[in-house]
Amino acid sequence: MEHFHGILIGAVTFLIIGVYHPIVIKAEYRWGKGCWGWFLAIGILFSAASIMIAGQVLSIALAVAGFSSFWAIFELFEQENRVLKGWFPENPDRHDYYEMKRQVNNINKKI
């Protein structure tokens, strides 16, 4: 069974990354980039758990989930930029925030 650990870890990594993609999009839509602290906390918890788990595959899967959470922080900020460019829908409840960001960006471009 150990011969399949590599392919299993690859599949789990693929799945974790695939799950995080829509989570980041939904989190930015619902709460904005201000929820980055949750991803930091989850990343720390998963990373700490990976150190404490003896099973190699589960330990690696937790580490991948932890570092995917850290990467999600970066992606939250990038997702906001994508929304500002019109590539993704904006939350109508936060329209004023997005408009303010667009105005600041336009002022910065003129300078």
N, C-alpha and C. Protein backbone atom coordinates (compact mmCIF):
# COMPACT_ATOMS: atom_id res chain seq x y z
N MET A 1 0.82 -1.20 0.00
CA MET A 1 0.00 0.00 0.00
C MET A 1 0.86 1.26 0.00
N GLU A 2 2.04 1.18 0.58
CA GLU A 2 2.92 2.35 0.63
C GLU A 2 3.29 2.86 -0.75
N HIS A 3 3.23 1.99 -1.75
CA HIS A 3 3.57 2.39 -3.10
C HIS A 3 2.58 3.41 -3.66
N PHE A 4 1.40 3.47 -3.07
CA PHE A 4 0.36 4.37 -3.56
C PHE A 4 0.29 5.68 -2.78
N HIS A 5 1.14 5.86 -1.78
CA HIS A 5 1.10 7.08 -0.97
C HIS A 5 1.30 8.33 -1.82
N GLY A 6 2.23 8.30 -2.74
CA GLY A 6 2.51 9.47 -3.57
C GLY A 6 1.31 9.87 -4.40
N ILE A 7 0.68 8.92 -5.04
CA ILE A 7 -0.47 9.22 -5.89
C ILE A 7 -1.66 9.65 -5.03
N LEU A 8 -1.79 9.05 -3.84
CA LEU A 8 -2.86 9.44 -2.92
C LEU A 8 -2.66 10.87 -2.43
N ILE A 9 -1.44 11.21 -2.08
CA ILE A 9 -1.14 12.57 -1.63
C ILE A 9 -1.38 13.56 -2.77
N GLY A 10 -1.00 13.20 -3.97
CA GLY A 10 -1.26 14.07 -5.12
C GLY A 10 -2.75 14.31 -5.32
N ALA A 11 -3.54 13.26 -5.21
CA ALA A 11 -4.99 13.39 -5.39
C ALA A 11 -5.60 14.23 -4.27
N VAL A 12 -5.15 14.01 -3.04
CA VAL A 12 -5.67 14.79 -1.91
C VAL A 12 -5.30 16.26 -2.07
N THR A 13 -4.08 16.53 -2.50
CA THR A 13 -3.65 17.91 -2.72
C THR A 13 -4.50 18.58 -3.79
N PHE A 14 -4.73 17.88 -4.87
CA PHE A 14 -5.58 18.38 -5.95
C PHE A 14 -6.97 18.71 -5.43
N LEU A 15 -7.53 17.81 -4.63
CA LEU A 15 -8.85 18.00 -4.07
C LEU A 15 -8.90 19.20 -3.12
N ILE A 16 -7.90 19.33 -2.25
CA ILE A 16 -7.86 20.44 -1.29
C ILE A 16 -7.79 21.77 -2.03
N ILE A 17 -6.92 21.87 -3.01
CA ILE A 17 -6.80 23.11 -3.79
C ILE A 17 -8.11 23.39 -4.51
N GLY A 18 -8.73 22.36 -5.05
CA GLY A 18 -10.01 22.53 -5.73
C GLY A 18 -11.12 22.99 -4.81
N VAL A 19 -11.08 22.58 -3.56
CA VAL A 19 -12.08 23.01 -2.59
C VAL A 19 -11.83 24.45 -2.15
N TYR A 20 -10.57 24.81 -1.99
CA TYR A 20 -10.25 26.17 -1.52
C TYR A 20 -10.61 27.24 -2.55
N HIS A 21 -10.54 26.93 -3.81
CA HIS A 21 -10.82 27.93 -4.85
C HIS A 21 -12.21 28.56 -4.68
N PRO A 22 -13.29 27.78 -4.63
CA PRO A 22 -14.60 28.40 -4.45
C PRO A 22 -14.80 28.97 -3.04
N ILE A 23 -14.11 28.44 -2.05
CA ILE A 23 -14.23 28.98 -0.69
C ILE A 23 -13.71 30.41 -0.66
N VAL A 24 -12.57 30.65 -1.30
CA VAL A 24 -12.01 32.00 -1.35
C VAL A 24 -12.96 32.95 -2.07
N ILE A 25 -13.52 32.52 -3.17
CA ILE A 25 -14.45 33.36 -3.94
C ILE A 25 -15.67 33.70 -3.09
N LYS A 26 -16.24 32.70 -2.43
CA LYS A 26 -17.42 32.93 -1.60
C LYS A 26 -17.10 33.79 -0.39
N ALA A 27 -15.94 33.57 0.23
CA ALA A 27 -15.55 34.34 1.41
C ALA A 27 -15.37 35.82 1.06
N GLU A 28 -14.72 36.09 -0.06
CA GLU A 28 -14.53 37.49 -0.47
C GLU A 28 -15.88 38.12 -0.79
N TYR A 29 -16.75 37.38 -1.45
CA TYR A 29 -18.07 37.92 -1.80
C TYR A 29 -18.87 38.25 -0.55
N ARG A 30 -18.85 37.33 0.40
CA ARG A 30 -19.69 37.48 1.59
C ARG A 30 -19.11 38.45 2.62
N TRP A 31 -17.80 38.32 2.92
CA TRP A 31 -17.20 39.09 4.01
C TRP A 31 -16.10 40.05 3.57
N GLY A 32 -15.64 39.93 2.35
CA GLY A 32 -14.53 40.76 1.89
C GLY A 32 -13.20 40.21 2.38
N LYS A 33 -12.15 40.93 2.06
CA LYS A 33 -10.82 40.44 2.41
C LYS A 33 -10.55 40.51 3.91
N GLY A 34 -11.45 41.13 4.65
CA GLY A 34 -11.28 41.25 6.10
C GLY A 34 -11.35 39.91 6.84
N CYS A 35 -11.78 38.87 6.17
CA CYS A 35 -11.86 37.55 6.83
C CYS A 35 -10.54 36.78 6.74
N TRP A 36 -9.47 37.47 6.34
CA TRP A 36 -8.18 36.79 6.18
C TRP A 36 -7.71 36.15 7.49
N GLY A 37 -8.09 36.72 8.61
CA GLY A 37 -7.68 36.17 9.90
C GLY A 37 -8.19 34.76 10.14
N TRP A 38 -9.37 34.47 9.61
CA TRP A 38 -9.90 33.11 9.73
C TRP A 38 -9.03 32.12 8.97
N PHE A 39 -8.59 32.51 7.80
CA PHE A 39 -7.72 31.62 7.02
C PHE A 39 -6.37 31.44 7.73
N LEU A 40 -5.89 32.49 8.35
CA LEU A 40 -4.64 32.39 9.12
C LEU A 40 -4.81 31.41 10.28
N ALA A 41 -5.90 31.55 11.03
CA ALA A 41 -6.15 30.68 12.17
C ALA A 41 -6.30 29.22 11.73
N ILE A 42 -7.05 29.00 10.67
CA ILE A 42 -7.24 27.64 10.16
C ILE A 42 -5.91 27.07 9.68
N GLY A 43 -5.13 27.89 9.00
CA GLY A 43 -3.82 27.43 8.53
C GLY A 43 -2.91 27.03 9.67
N ILE A 44 -2.91 27.82 10.73
CA ILE A 44 -2.08 27.49 11.90
C ILE A 44 -2.58 26.20 12.54
N LEU A 45 -3.89 26.07 12.69
CA LEU A 45 -4.45 24.84 13.30
C LEU A 45 -4.12 23.60 12.48
N PHE A 46 -4.34 23.67 11.17
CA PHE A 46 -4.03 22.52 10.32
C PHE A 46 -2.54 22.20 10.35
N SER A 47 -1.71 23.22 10.31
CA SER A 47 -0.26 22.99 10.32
C SER A 47 0.19 22.38 11.63
N ALA A 48 -0.35 22.87 12.74
CA ALA A 48 0.00 22.31 14.06
C ALA A 48 -0.48 20.86 14.16
N ALA A 49 -1.69 20.60 13.65
CA ALA A 49 -2.22 19.23 13.68
C ALA A 49 -1.36 18.30 12.84
N SER A 50 -0.82 18.79 11.74
CA SER A 50 0.00 17.94 10.88
C SER A 50 1.27 17.49 11.59
N ILE A 51 1.77 18.32 12.50
CA ILE A 51 2.97 17.96 13.25
C ILE A 51 2.65 16.88 14.28
N MET A 52 1.44 16.89 14.80
CA MET A 52 1.06 15.97 15.88
C MET A 52 0.55 14.63 15.39
N ILE A 53 0.22 14.51 14.12
CA ILE A 53 -0.34 13.27 13.57
C ILE A 53 0.80 12.34 13.14
N ALA A 54 0.70 11.09 13.53
CA ALA A 54 1.75 10.13 13.20
C ALA A 54 1.62 9.59 11.78
N GLY A 55 0.42 9.46 11.28
CA GLY A 55 0.21 8.91 9.95
C GLY A 55 0.73 9.84 8.86
N GLN A 56 1.57 9.30 8.00
CA GLN A 56 2.24 10.12 7.00
C GLN A 56 1.26 10.79 6.04
N VAL A 57 0.33 10.06 5.48
CA VAL A 57 -0.59 10.61 4.48
C VAL A 57 -1.49 11.67 5.11
N LEU A 58 -2.05 11.39 6.29
CA LEU A 58 -2.92 12.35 6.96
C LEU A 58 -2.13 13.59 7.38
N SER A 59 -0.92 13.39 7.86
CA SER A 59 -0.07 14.51 8.25
C SER A 59 0.21 15.43 7.07
N ILE A 60 0.54 14.84 5.93
CA ILE A 60 0.81 15.63 4.73
C ILE A 60 -0.46 16.32 4.25
N ALA A 61 -1.60 15.64 4.30
CA ALA A 61 -2.87 16.25 3.87
C ALA A 61 -3.21 17.45 4.74
N LEU A 62 -2.99 17.34 6.04
CA LEU A 62 -3.25 18.47 6.94
C LEU A 62 -2.29 19.63 6.65
N ALA A 63 -1.04 19.30 6.38
CA ALA A 63 -0.07 20.36 6.05
C ALA A 63 -0.46 21.05 4.75
N VAL A 64 -0.90 20.30 3.77
CA VAL A 64 -1.34 20.90 2.50
C VAL A 64 -2.55 21.79 2.74
N ALA A 65 -3.49 21.34 3.56
CA ALA A 65 -4.66 22.16 3.89
C ALA A 65 -4.24 23.42 4.63
N GLY A 66 -3.28 23.28 5.55
CA GLY A 66 -2.79 24.44 6.29
C GLY A 66 -2.15 25.47 5.38
N PHE A 67 -1.28 25.03 4.51
CA PHE A 67 -0.60 25.97 3.62
C PHE A 67 -1.52 26.47 2.52
N SER A 68 -2.55 25.72 2.19
CA SER A 68 -3.57 26.23 1.26
C SER A 68 -4.34 27.37 1.93
N SER A 69 -4.54 27.27 3.23
CA SER A 69 -5.19 28.35 3.97
C SER A 69 -4.32 29.60 3.96
N PHE A 70 -3.02 29.42 4.12
CA PHE A 70 -2.11 30.58 4.06
C PHE A 70 -2.15 31.21 2.67
N TRP A 71 -2.17 30.38 1.64
CA TRP A 71 -2.23 30.89 0.27
C TRP A 71 -3.56 31.59 0.01
N ALA A 72 -4.62 31.11 0.67
CA ALA A 72 -5.94 31.71 0.49
C ALA A 72 -5.95 33.17 0.95
N ILE A 73 -5.11 33.52 1.91
CA ILE A 73 -5.03 34.91 2.35
C ILE A 73 -4.61 35.79 1.18
N PHE A 74 -3.57 35.39 0.49
CA PHE A 74 -3.12 36.12 -0.69
C PHE A 74 -4.24 36.18 -1.74
N GLU A 75 -4.89 35.05 -1.94
CA GLU A 75 -5.93 34.98 -2.97
C GLU A 75 -7.14 35.84 -2.63
N LEU A 76 -7.44 36.05 -1.34
CA LEU A 76 -8.53 36.95 -0.96
C LEU A 76 -8.29 38.36 -1.49
N PHE A 77 -7.06 38.83 -1.34
CA PHE A 77 -6.72 40.17 -1.82
C PHE A 77 -6.76 40.22 -3.34
N GLU A 78 -6.29 39.16 -3.98
CA GLU A 78 -6.35 39.08 -5.44
C GLU A 78 -7.79 39.00 -5.92
N GLN A 79 -8.62 38.28 -5.19
CA GLN A 79 -10.02 38.14 -5.57
C GLN A 79 -10.72 39.49 -5.53
N GLU A 80 -10.38 40.32 -4.54
CA GLU A 80 -10.96 41.66 -4.51
C GLU A 80 -10.58 42.43 -5.77
N ASN A 81 -9.35 42.31 -6.20
CA ASN A 81 -8.92 42.98 -7.45
C ASN A 81 -9.68 42.45 -8.65
N ARG A 82 -9.94 41.16 -8.67
CA ARG A 82 -10.71 40.59 -9.78
C ARG A 82 -12.14 41.13 -9.79
N VAL A 83 -12.72 41.29 -8.60
CA VAL A 83 -14.07 41.86 -8.51
C VAL A 83 -14.05 43.31 -8.99
N LEU A 84 -13.04 44.06 -8.57
CA LEU A 84 -12.95 45.46 -8.99
C LEU A 84 -12.81 45.59 -10.51
N LYS A 85 -12.16 44.62 -11.14
CA LYS A 85 -12.01 44.63 -12.59
C LYS A 85 -13.28 44.16 -13.31
N GLY A 86 -14.23 43.63 -12.55
CA GLY A 86 -15.47 43.14 -13.15
C GLY A 86 -15.42 41.70 -13.58
N TRP A 87 -14.40 40.99 -13.20
CA TRP A 87 -14.27 39.59 -13.60
C TRP A 87 -15.17 38.67 -12.78
N PHE A 88 -15.52 39.11 -11.56
CA PHE A 88 -16.41 38.35 -10.68
C PHE A 88 -17.47 39.30 -10.15
N PRO A 89 -18.64 38.78 -9.80
CA PRO A 89 -19.70 39.67 -9.30
C PRO A 89 -19.35 40.23 -7.93
N GLU A 90 -19.78 41.46 -7.70
CA GLU A 90 -19.57 42.07 -6.39
C GLU A 90 -20.80 41.88 -5.53
N ASN A 91 -20.59 41.88 -4.25
CA ASN A 91 -21.69 41.78 -3.30
C ASN A 91 -22.41 43.13 -3.28
N PRO A 92 -23.69 43.17 -3.63
CA PRO A 92 -24.40 44.45 -3.67
C PRO A 92 -24.44 45.15 -2.30
N ASP A 93 -24.34 44.39 -1.23
CA ASP A 93 -24.33 44.98 0.11
C ASP A 93 -23.05 45.77 0.37
N ARG A 94 -22.01 45.51 -0.42
CA ARG A 94 -20.73 46.19 -0.24
C ARG A 94 -20.39 47.05 -1.45
N HIS A 95 -21.40 47.45 -2.21
CA HIS A 95 -21.18 48.24 -3.42
C HIS A 95 -20.44 49.54 -3.12
N ASP A 96 -20.81 50.22 -2.04
CA ASP A 96 -20.16 51.49 -1.69
C ASP A 96 -18.67 51.30 -1.45
N TYR A 97 -18.31 50.19 -0.81
CA TYR A 97 -16.90 49.89 -0.57
C TYR A 97 -16.15 49.73 -1.89
N TYR A 98 -16.73 48.94 -2.80
CA TYR A 98 -16.09 48.71 -4.09
C TYR A 98 -15.96 50.01 -4.90
N GLU A 99 -16.99 50.85 -4.84
CA GLU A 99 -16.93 52.13 -5.56
C GLU A 99 -15.82 53.02 -5.00
N MET A 100 -15.68 53.04 -3.69
CA MET A 100 -14.62 53.82 -3.06
C MET A 100 -13.25 53.30 -3.51
N LYS A 101 -13.09 52.00 -3.55
CA LYS A 101 -11.82 51.40 -4.01
C LYS A 101 -11.57 51.75 -5.47
N ARG A 102 -12.60 51.74 -6.30
CA ARG A 102 -12.43 52.09 -7.71
C ARG A 102 -12.01 53.55 -7.86
N GLN A 103 -12.60 54.43 -7.08
CA GLN A 103 -12.24 55.85 -7.14
C GLN A 103 -10.80 56.05 -6.71
N VAL A 104 -10.39 55.38 -5.65
CA VAL A 104 -9.00 55.49 -5.18
C VAL A 104 -8.05 54.97 -6.25
N ASN A 105 -8.41 53.85 -6.87
CA ASN A 105 -7.56 53.29 -7.94
C ASN A 105 -7.47 54.26 -9.12
N ASN A 106 -8.58 54.89 -9.48
CA ASN A 106 -8.56 55.85 -10.60
C ASN A 106 -7.72 57.08 -10.26
N ILE A 107 -7.80 57.55 -9.04
CA ILE A 107 -6.97 58.69 -8.62
C ILE A 107 -5.49 58.32 -8.68
N ASN A 108 -5.17 57.12 -8.21
CA ASN A 108 -3.77 56.67 -8.23
C ASN A 108 -3.24 56.52 -9.65
N LYS A 109 -4.11 56.12 -10.58
CA LYS A 109 -3.67 55.97 -11.97
C LYS A 109 -3.37 57.32 -12.62
N LYS A 110 -4.09 58.37 -12.18
CA LYS A 110 -3.89 59.71 -12.75
C LYS A 110 -2.62 60.37 -12.23
N ILE A 111 -2.19 59.94 -11.07
CA ILE A 111 -1.00 60.57 -10.46
C ILE A 111 0.27 60.08 -11.09
